[in-house]
C-alpha cells in the first residue's frame, strides 16, 4: 500500500511539474484560486524554506539515504497499521519526487504559492512530505497517549 501511495505521489508531482514548466511563465505569480492559491513557477536549489541552498549533492544523498531507510524498514515502521502505511507512502513519495528533480535538473521545480499568507513556493511532493510528517507526529502522539506515556521530571 505504501509503495502504491508513494508511486501516485511521484506521478502526480512529475505530471504537475511538467505542466508548470510548459505552461507557466518563470517567476511571475498568477491567480489560480483567488485569495487562496497562486501559480508561481520557480526553481529551488535548497531544501524546505531554501535551507542548504546550492547543496544539490548533499541533499540528494540525504534523500537517497532516507528513501532507502523508509523502503527497507517499511514493515517495521508500519507494523500492519494502515494509517502508518499512508503516512509512509506520503513521506516516501514526497522525498522521491523532489529527489528526481534534484538529480535531473540540479534544482526542485516549485509552482504553488499561498495567496493568503507569506509562505515559500512549493510543489506536490513538498505537500505530501509535509502532510506525511504532520500525520506521523499526530499518530505518534496518539500512540504515546494510548500507552500512557508520561514525561518524568
N, C-alpha and C. Protein backbone atom coordinates (compact mmCIF):
# COMPACT_ATOMS: atom_id res chain seq x y z
N UNK A 1 0.82 -1.20 0.00
CA UNK A 1 0.00 0.00 0.00
C UNK A 1 0.86 1.27 0.00
N UNK A 2 1.90 1.27 0.85
CA UNK A 2 2.75 2.47 0.94
C UNK A 2 3.50 2.74 -0.36
N UNK A 3 3.91 1.67 -1.05
CA UNK A 3 4.60 1.86 -2.33
C UNK A 3 3.65 2.39 -3.40
N UNK A 4 2.42 1.95 -3.36
CA UNK A 4 1.41 2.46 -4.30
C UNK A 4 1.16 3.95 -4.06
N UNK A 5 1.01 4.33 -2.80
CA UNK A 5 0.80 5.75 -2.46
C UNK A 5 2.01 6.57 -2.89
N UNK A 6 3.21 6.07 -2.59
CA UNK A 6 4.42 6.79 -3.00
C UNK A 6 4.47 6.94 -4.52
N UNK A 7 4.12 5.90 -5.23
CA UNK A 7 4.11 5.96 -6.70
C UNK A 7 3.11 6.98 -7.22
N UNK A 8 1.94 7.03 -6.62
CA UNK A 8 0.93 8.02 -7.03
C UNK A 8 1.42 9.43 -6.76
N UNK A 9 2.04 9.65 -5.60
CA UNK A 9 2.58 10.98 -5.28
C UNK A 9 3.64 11.37 -6.30
N UNK A 10 4.57 10.47 -6.60
CA UNK A 10 5.64 10.76 -7.57
C UNK A 10 5.04 11.07 -8.94
N UNK A 11 4.07 10.30 -9.35
CA UNK A 11 3.44 10.53 -10.66
C UNK A 11 2.72 11.88 -10.71
N UNK A 12 1.91 12.17 -9.70
CA UNK A 12 1.20 13.46 -9.66
C UNK A 12 2.18 14.63 -9.60
N UNK A 13 3.24 14.46 -8.83
CA UNK A 13 4.26 15.50 -8.71
C UNK A 13 4.94 15.74 -10.06
N UNK A 14 5.34 14.66 -10.72
CA UNK A 14 6.04 14.78 -12.00
C UNK A 14 5.13 15.41 -13.07
N UNK A 15 3.89 14.93 -13.17
CA UNK A 15 2.96 15.47 -14.17
C UNK A 15 2.70 16.95 -13.91
N UNK A 16 2.50 17.32 -12.66
CA UNK A 16 2.21 18.73 -12.34
C UNK A 16 3.42 19.63 -12.62
N UNK A 17 4.61 19.13 -12.35
CA UNK A 17 5.82 19.92 -12.63
C UNK A 17 6.05 20.07 -14.13
N UNK A 18 5.79 19.01 -14.88
CA UNK A 18 5.91 19.11 -16.34
C UNK A 18 4.90 20.12 -16.88
N UNK A 19 3.70 20.09 -16.34
CA UNK A 19 2.69 21.05 -16.76
C UNK A 19 3.16 22.47 -16.43
N UNK A 20 3.67 22.68 -15.22
CA UNK A 20 4.14 24.01 -14.81
C UNK A 20 5.26 24.50 -15.72
N UNK A 21 6.22 23.62 -16.04
CA UNK A 21 7.33 24.01 -16.92
C UNK A 21 6.83 24.46 -18.28
N UNK A 22 5.82 23.79 -18.79
CA UNK A 22 5.34 24.09 -20.14
C UNK A 22 4.29 25.16 -20.23
N UNK A 23 3.68 25.54 -19.11
CA UNK A 23 2.54 26.45 -19.18
C UNK A 23 2.62 27.71 -18.33
N UNK A 24 3.60 27.79 -17.45
CA UNK A 24 3.68 28.96 -16.57
C UNK A 24 4.92 29.79 -16.89
N UNK A 25 4.79 31.10 -16.88
CA UNK A 25 5.98 31.93 -17.05
C UNK A 25 6.84 31.85 -15.78
N UNK A 26 8.14 31.88 -15.94
CA UNK A 26 9.04 31.77 -14.80
C UNK A 26 8.99 33.03 -13.94
N UNK A 27 8.81 32.84 -12.64
CA UNK A 27 8.94 33.92 -11.67
C UNK A 27 7.77 34.88 -11.56
N UNK A 28 6.66 34.58 -12.18
CA UNK A 28 5.51 35.50 -12.14
C UNK A 28 4.32 34.78 -11.50
N UNK A 29 3.76 35.38 -10.44
CA UNK A 29 2.59 34.80 -9.79
C UNK A 29 1.34 35.07 -10.60
N UNK A 30 0.51 34.04 -10.71
CA UNK A 30 -0.77 34.15 -11.41
C UNK A 30 -1.85 33.57 -10.51
N UNK A 31 -3.00 34.26 -10.38
CA UNK A 31 -4.07 33.73 -9.54
C UNK A 31 -4.58 32.40 -10.08
N UNK A 32 -4.83 31.47 -9.17
CA UNK A 32 -5.42 30.19 -9.53
C UNK A 32 -6.77 30.05 -8.82
N UNK A 33 -6.73 30.12 -7.50
CA UNK A 33 -7.94 30.22 -6.68
C UNK A 33 -7.79 31.55 -5.94
N UNK A 34 -8.45 32.61 -6.44
CA UNK A 34 -8.24 33.96 -5.90
C UNK A 34 -8.29 34.02 -4.37
N UNK A 35 -7.27 34.65 -3.82
CA UNK A 35 -7.16 34.82 -2.39
C UNK A 35 -6.65 33.60 -1.64
N UNK A 36 -6.55 32.46 -2.33
CA UNK A 36 -6.13 31.24 -1.66
C UNK A 36 -4.85 30.66 -2.25
N UNK A 37 -4.81 30.48 -3.57
CA UNK A 37 -3.68 29.80 -4.19
C UNK A 37 -3.30 30.48 -5.50
N UNK A 38 -1.99 30.67 -5.68
CA UNK A 38 -1.45 31.24 -6.91
C UNK A 38 -0.50 30.25 -7.54
N UNK A 39 -0.26 30.39 -8.81
CA UNK A 39 0.73 29.58 -9.52
C UNK A 39 1.95 30.46 -9.76
N UNK A 40 3.12 29.98 -9.39
CA UNK A 40 4.34 30.77 -9.46
C UNK A 40 5.51 29.80 -9.73
N UNK A 41 5.84 29.62 -10.98
CA UNK A 41 6.89 28.69 -11.39
C UNK A 41 8.26 29.25 -11.02
N UNK A 42 9.02 28.45 -10.26
CA UNK A 42 10.35 28.85 -9.84
C UNK A 42 11.21 27.61 -9.61
N UNK A 43 12.48 27.82 -9.36
CA UNK A 43 13.43 26.74 -9.07
C UNK A 43 13.97 26.93 -7.66
N UNK A 44 14.16 25.84 -6.94
CA UNK A 44 14.71 25.89 -5.59
C UNK A 44 15.93 24.96 -5.54
N UNK A 45 17.10 25.53 -5.31
CA UNK A 45 18.32 24.72 -5.23
C UNK A 45 18.59 24.24 -3.81
N UNK A 46 17.69 24.58 -2.88
CA UNK A 46 17.85 24.14 -1.49
C UNK A 46 16.75 23.18 -1.09
N UNK A 47 16.57 23.06 0.21
CA UNK A 47 15.50 22.21 0.76
C UNK A 47 14.38 23.14 1.21
N UNK A 48 13.56 22.69 2.12
CA UNK A 48 12.43 23.48 2.62
C UNK A 48 12.91 24.87 3.07
N UNK A 49 12.16 25.88 2.70
CA UNK A 49 12.48 27.28 3.03
C UNK A 49 13.85 27.68 2.50
N UNK A 50 14.30 27.01 1.45
CA UNK A 50 15.58 27.28 0.78
C UNK A 50 16.80 27.07 1.67
N UNK A 51 16.67 26.25 2.72
CA UNK A 51 17.85 25.96 3.53
C UNK A 51 18.79 25.07 2.72
N UNK A 52 20.04 25.16 2.99
CA UNK A 52 21.09 24.43 2.27
C UNK A 52 21.08 24.71 0.78
N UNK A 53 20.80 25.95 0.42
CA UNK A 53 20.78 26.36 -0.98
C UNK A 53 22.11 26.02 -1.65
N UNK A 54 22.01 25.42 -2.82
CA UNK A 54 23.20 25.08 -3.60
C UNK A 54 23.86 23.77 -3.20
N UNK A 55 23.30 23.07 -2.26
CA UNK A 55 23.88 21.81 -1.79
C UNK A 55 23.20 20.60 -2.45
N UNK A 56 23.18 20.62 -3.76
CA UNK A 56 22.48 19.59 -4.54
C UNK A 56 22.86 18.17 -4.14
N UNK A 57 24.15 17.89 -4.07
CA UNK A 57 24.59 16.52 -3.83
C UNK A 57 24.37 16.11 -2.38
N UNK A 58 24.57 17.00 -1.46
CA UNK A 58 24.29 16.69 -0.05
C UNK A 58 22.81 16.37 0.13
N UNK A 59 21.95 17.22 -0.43
CA UNK A 59 20.50 16.99 -0.32
C UNK A 59 20.09 15.71 -1.05
N UNK A 60 20.72 15.42 -2.17
CA UNK A 60 20.43 14.19 -2.91
C UNK A 60 20.83 12.96 -2.11
N UNK A 61 22.01 12.99 -1.52
CA UNK A 61 22.48 11.86 -0.72
C UNK A 61 21.58 11.65 0.50
N UNK A 62 21.19 12.73 1.15
CA UNK A 62 20.27 12.62 2.30
C UNK A 62 18.92 12.04 1.88
N UNK A 63 18.41 12.47 0.73
CA UNK A 63 17.12 11.96 0.23
C UNK A 63 17.23 10.49 -0.14
N UNK A 64 18.33 10.10 -0.76
CA UNK A 64 18.53 8.69 -1.12
C UNK A 64 18.61 7.84 0.15
N UNK A 65 19.38 8.30 1.13
CA UNK A 65 19.52 7.55 2.39
C UNK A 65 18.17 7.43 3.10
N UNK A 66 17.42 8.52 3.16
CA UNK A 66 16.10 8.50 3.81
C UNK A 66 15.15 7.57 3.07
N UNK A 67 15.16 7.63 1.75
CA UNK A 67 14.28 6.77 0.94
C UNK A 67 14.61 5.30 1.13
N UNK A 68 15.89 4.97 1.11
CA UNK A 68 16.30 3.58 1.31
C UNK A 68 15.91 3.09 2.71
N UNK A 69 16.14 3.92 3.70
CA UNK A 69 15.75 3.56 5.06
C UNK A 69 14.25 3.29 5.15
N UNK A 70 13.45 4.22 4.63
CA UNK A 70 11.99 4.07 4.68
C UNK A 70 11.53 2.83 3.91
N UNK A 71 12.14 2.59 2.77
CA UNK A 71 11.74 1.43 1.95
C UNK A 71 12.09 0.11 2.64
N UNK A 72 13.33 -0.03 3.09
CA UNK A 72 13.76 -1.30 3.65
C UNK A 72 13.19 -1.58 5.04
N UNK A 73 12.83 -0.54 5.78
CA UNK A 73 12.27 -0.73 7.11
C UNK A 73 10.77 -0.47 7.15
N UNK A 74 10.13 -0.45 5.98
CA UNK A 74 8.71 -0.13 5.92
C UNK A 74 7.84 -1.10 6.71
N UNK A 75 8.20 -2.37 6.74
CA UNK A 75 7.41 -3.35 7.51
C UNK A 75 7.45 -3.04 9.00
N UNK A 76 8.62 -2.72 9.50
CA UNK A 76 8.76 -2.39 10.93
C UNK A 76 8.10 -1.06 11.26
N UNK A 77 8.20 -0.11 10.34
CA UNK A 77 7.65 1.22 10.59
C UNK A 77 6.12 1.17 10.64
N UNK A 78 5.54 0.43 9.73
CA UNK A 78 4.07 0.42 9.64
C UNK A 78 3.42 -0.56 10.61
N UNK A 79 4.11 -1.64 10.97
CA UNK A 79 3.59 -2.64 11.91
C UNK A 79 2.14 -3.00 11.63
N UNK A 80 1.77 -3.13 10.35
CA UNK A 80 0.42 -3.53 9.98
C UNK A 80 -0.64 -2.46 10.15
N UNK A 81 -0.24 -1.24 10.47
CA UNK A 81 -1.20 -0.15 10.67
C UNK A 81 -1.41 0.59 9.35
N UNK A 82 -2.66 0.59 8.89
CA UNK A 82 -2.97 1.24 7.61
C UNK A 82 -2.63 2.73 7.66
N UNK A 83 -2.86 3.37 8.79
CA UNK A 83 -2.58 4.81 8.89
C UNK A 83 -1.10 5.10 8.70
N UNK A 84 -0.23 4.25 9.26
CA UNK A 84 1.21 4.46 9.08
C UNK A 84 1.65 4.13 7.66
N UNK A 85 0.95 3.23 6.99
CA UNK A 85 1.27 2.93 5.60
C UNK A 85 0.98 4.15 4.72
N UNK A 86 -0.10 4.84 5.00
CA UNK A 86 -0.44 6.06 4.27
C UNK A 86 0.62 7.13 4.51
N UNK A 87 0.97 7.31 5.79
CA UNK A 87 2.00 8.28 6.17
C UNK A 87 3.31 7.97 5.47
N UNK A 88 3.72 6.72 5.53
CA UNK A 88 4.98 6.32 4.91
C UNK A 88 4.95 6.56 3.40
N UNK A 89 3.82 6.25 2.76
CA UNK A 89 3.69 6.49 1.33
C UNK A 89 3.82 7.96 0.97
N UNK A 90 3.21 8.82 1.78
CA UNK A 90 3.30 10.27 1.53
C UNK A 90 4.73 10.77 1.69
N UNK A 91 5.39 10.35 2.76
CA UNK A 91 6.77 10.80 3.02
C UNK A 91 7.72 10.27 1.95
N UNK A 92 7.60 8.99 1.63
CA UNK A 92 8.48 8.40 0.62
C UNK A 92 8.23 9.02 -0.75
N UNK A 93 6.98 9.19 -1.13
CA UNK A 93 6.65 9.80 -2.42
C UNK A 93 7.14 11.24 -2.52
N UNK A 94 6.96 12.01 -1.45
CA UNK A 94 7.44 13.39 -1.45
C UNK A 94 8.95 13.48 -1.56
N UNK A 95 9.63 12.61 -0.84
CA UNK A 95 11.10 12.59 -0.87
C UNK A 95 11.60 12.22 -2.27
N UNK A 96 11.01 11.20 -2.85
CA UNK A 96 11.43 10.76 -4.19
C UNK A 96 11.08 11.78 -5.27
N UNK A 97 9.93 12.43 -5.14
CA UNK A 97 9.52 13.43 -6.13
C UNK A 97 10.54 14.55 -6.26
N UNK A 98 10.98 15.07 -5.12
CA UNK A 98 11.97 16.15 -5.17
C UNK A 98 13.36 15.64 -5.51
N UNK A 99 13.67 14.41 -5.12
CA UNK A 99 14.97 13.83 -5.48
C UNK A 99 15.11 13.70 -6.99
N UNK A 100 14.06 13.29 -7.65
CA UNK A 100 14.09 13.17 -9.12
C UNK A 100 14.46 14.51 -9.75
N UNK A 101 13.83 15.58 -9.30
CA UNK A 101 14.16 16.92 -9.82
C UNK A 101 15.62 17.26 -9.57
N UNK A 102 16.07 17.03 -8.35
CA UNK A 102 17.43 17.39 -7.98
C UNK A 102 18.44 16.66 -8.85
N UNK A 103 18.19 15.38 -9.10
CA UNK A 103 19.13 14.59 -9.91
C UNK A 103 19.04 14.97 -11.39
N UNK A 104 17.84 15.26 -11.89
CA UNK A 104 17.66 15.58 -13.32
C UNK A 104 18.04 17.01 -13.67
N UNK A 105 17.70 17.96 -12.80
CA UNK A 105 17.86 19.38 -13.14
C UNK A 105 18.87 20.13 -12.27
N UNK A 106 19.16 19.61 -11.09
CA UNK A 106 20.03 20.33 -10.16
C UNK A 106 19.25 21.26 -9.26
N UNK A 107 17.94 21.27 -9.38
CA UNK A 107 17.06 22.09 -8.55
C UNK A 107 15.69 21.43 -8.50
N UNK A 108 14.85 21.89 -7.59
CA UNK A 108 13.48 21.38 -7.48
C UNK A 108 12.54 22.41 -8.10
N UNK A 109 11.60 21.92 -8.88
CA UNK A 109 10.60 22.79 -9.50
C UNK A 109 9.48 23.03 -8.50
N UNK A 110 9.22 24.30 -8.21
CA UNK A 110 8.12 24.70 -7.33
C UNK A 110 7.17 25.57 -8.13
N UNK A 111 5.88 25.50 -7.80
CA UNK A 111 4.93 26.31 -8.57
C UNK A 111 3.64 26.66 -7.83
N UNK A 112 3.48 26.21 -6.61
CA UNK A 112 2.28 26.51 -5.83
C UNK A 112 2.62 27.55 -4.76
N UNK A 113 1.76 28.53 -4.63
CA UNK A 113 2.02 29.62 -3.70
C UNK A 113 0.70 30.02 -3.02
N UNK A 114 0.72 30.05 -1.71
CA UNK A 114 -0.46 30.52 -0.99
C UNK A 114 -0.68 32.00 -1.25
N UNK A 115 -1.93 32.39 -1.41
CA UNK A 115 -2.24 33.79 -1.65
C UNK A 115 -2.63 34.54 -0.39
N UNK A 116 -2.87 33.83 0.71
CA UNK A 116 -3.38 34.46 1.93
C UNK A 116 -2.31 34.59 3.02
N UNK A 117 -1.13 34.03 2.79
CA UNK A 117 -0.06 34.09 3.78
C UNK A 117 1.28 34.08 3.04
N UNK A 118 2.25 34.74 3.60
CA UNK A 118 3.59 34.73 3.00
C UNK A 118 4.25 33.41 3.37
N UNK A 119 4.41 32.55 2.38
CA UNK A 119 4.95 31.20 2.59
C UNK A 119 5.73 30.82 1.34
N UNK A 120 6.80 30.06 1.49
CA UNK A 120 7.59 29.69 0.30
C UNK A 120 6.76 28.95 -0.76
N UNK A 121 7.14 29.12 -2.00
CA UNK A 121 6.52 28.41 -3.11
C UNK A 121 6.86 26.92 -2.95
N UNK A 122 5.91 26.05 -3.26
CA UNK A 122 6.10 24.62 -3.04
C UNK A 122 5.53 23.81 -4.19
N UNK A 123 5.51 22.48 -4.04
CA UNK A 123 5.02 21.59 -5.08
C UNK A 123 4.25 20.43 -4.44
N UNK A 124 3.77 19.50 -5.25
CA UNK A 124 3.00 18.36 -4.76
C UNK A 124 3.85 17.49 -3.83
N UNK A 125 5.11 17.25 -4.18
CA UNK A 125 5.99 16.44 -3.34
C UNK A 125 6.17 17.09 -1.97
N UNK A 126 6.37 18.41 -1.94
CA UNK A 126 6.50 19.12 -0.67
C UNK A 126 5.24 18.96 0.18
N UNK A 127 4.08 19.10 -0.46
CA UNK A 127 2.81 18.98 0.25
C UNK A 127 2.64 17.57 0.82
N UNK A 128 2.96 16.55 0.04
CA UNK A 128 2.84 15.16 0.50
C UNK A 128 3.79 14.90 1.67
N UNK A 129 5.01 15.37 1.55
CA UNK A 129 6.00 15.18 2.60
C UNK A 129 5.58 15.87 3.89
N UNK A 130 5.12 17.11 3.77
CA UNK A 130 4.68 17.87 4.94
C UNK A 130 3.47 17.21 5.61
N UNK A 131 2.48 16.82 4.81
CA UNK A 131 1.30 16.15 5.36
C UNK A 131 1.69 14.82 6.01
N UNK A 132 2.56 14.07 5.36
CA UNK A 132 3.00 12.80 5.92
C UNK A 132 3.68 12.96 7.27
N UNK A 133 4.58 13.92 7.38
CA UNK A 133 5.28 14.15 8.65
C UNK A 133 4.30 14.65 9.71
N UNK A 134 3.40 15.56 9.34
CA UNK A 134 2.41 16.07 10.30
C UNK A 134 1.52 14.93 10.82
N UNK A 135 1.03 14.09 9.91
CA UNK A 135 0.21 12.95 10.33
C UNK A 135 1.00 11.98 11.19
N UNK A 136 2.28 11.80 10.87
CA UNK A 136 3.12 10.90 11.66
C UNK A 136 3.23 11.41 13.09
N UNK A 137 3.45 12.68 13.26
CA UNK A 137 3.55 13.27 14.61
C UNK A 137 2.23 13.07 15.36
N UNK A 138 1.11 13.32 14.70
CA UNK A 138 -0.20 13.14 15.33
C UNK A 138 -0.40 11.68 15.74
N UNK A 139 -0.10 10.75 14.84
CA UNK A 139 -0.25 9.33 15.16
C UNK A 139 0.64 8.90 16.31
N UNK A 140 1.87 9.41 16.33
CA UNK A 140 2.78 9.08 17.43
C UNK A 140 2.28 9.65 18.75
N UNK A 141 1.72 10.85 18.73
CA UNK A 141 1.17 11.42 19.96
C UNK A 141 0.00 10.59 20.48
N UNK A 142 -0.87 10.15 19.57
CA UNK A 142 -1.98 9.28 19.98
C UNK A 142 -1.46 7.96 20.53
N UNK A 143 -0.43 7.43 19.92
CA UNK A 143 0.16 6.17 20.38
C UNK A 143 0.76 6.34 21.77
N UNK A 144 1.48 7.44 21.98
CA UNK A 144 2.05 7.72 23.31
C UNK A 144 0.95 7.83 24.35
N UNK A 145 -0.12 8.53 24.00
CA UNK A 145 -1.23 8.71 24.94
C UNK A 145 -1.89 7.37 25.26
N UNK A 146 -2.09 6.55 24.24
CA UNK A 146 -2.72 5.25 24.41
C UNK A 146 -1.90 4.35 25.33
N UNK A 147 -0.58 4.45 25.20
CA UNK A 147 0.30 3.62 26.01
C UNK A 147 0.62 4.24 27.36
N UNK A 148 0.02 5.39 27.66
CA UNK A 148 0.23 6.03 28.96
C UNK A 148 1.59 6.67 29.11
N UNK A 149 2.17 7.12 28.00
CA UNK A 149 3.48 7.76 28.05
C UNK A 149 3.43 9.02 28.90
N UNK A 150 4.36 9.14 29.82
CA UNK A 150 4.41 10.32 30.67
C UNK A 150 5.85 10.80 30.76
N UNK A 151 5.99 12.10 30.83
CA UNK A 151 7.31 12.70 30.98
C UNK A 151 7.56 12.89 32.47
N UNK A 152 8.66 12.34 32.98
CA UNK A 152 9.00 12.49 34.39
C UNK A 152 10.09 13.52 34.52
N UNK A 153 9.93 14.36 35.52
CA UNK A 153 10.94 15.41 35.75
C UNK A 153 11.92 14.98 36.79
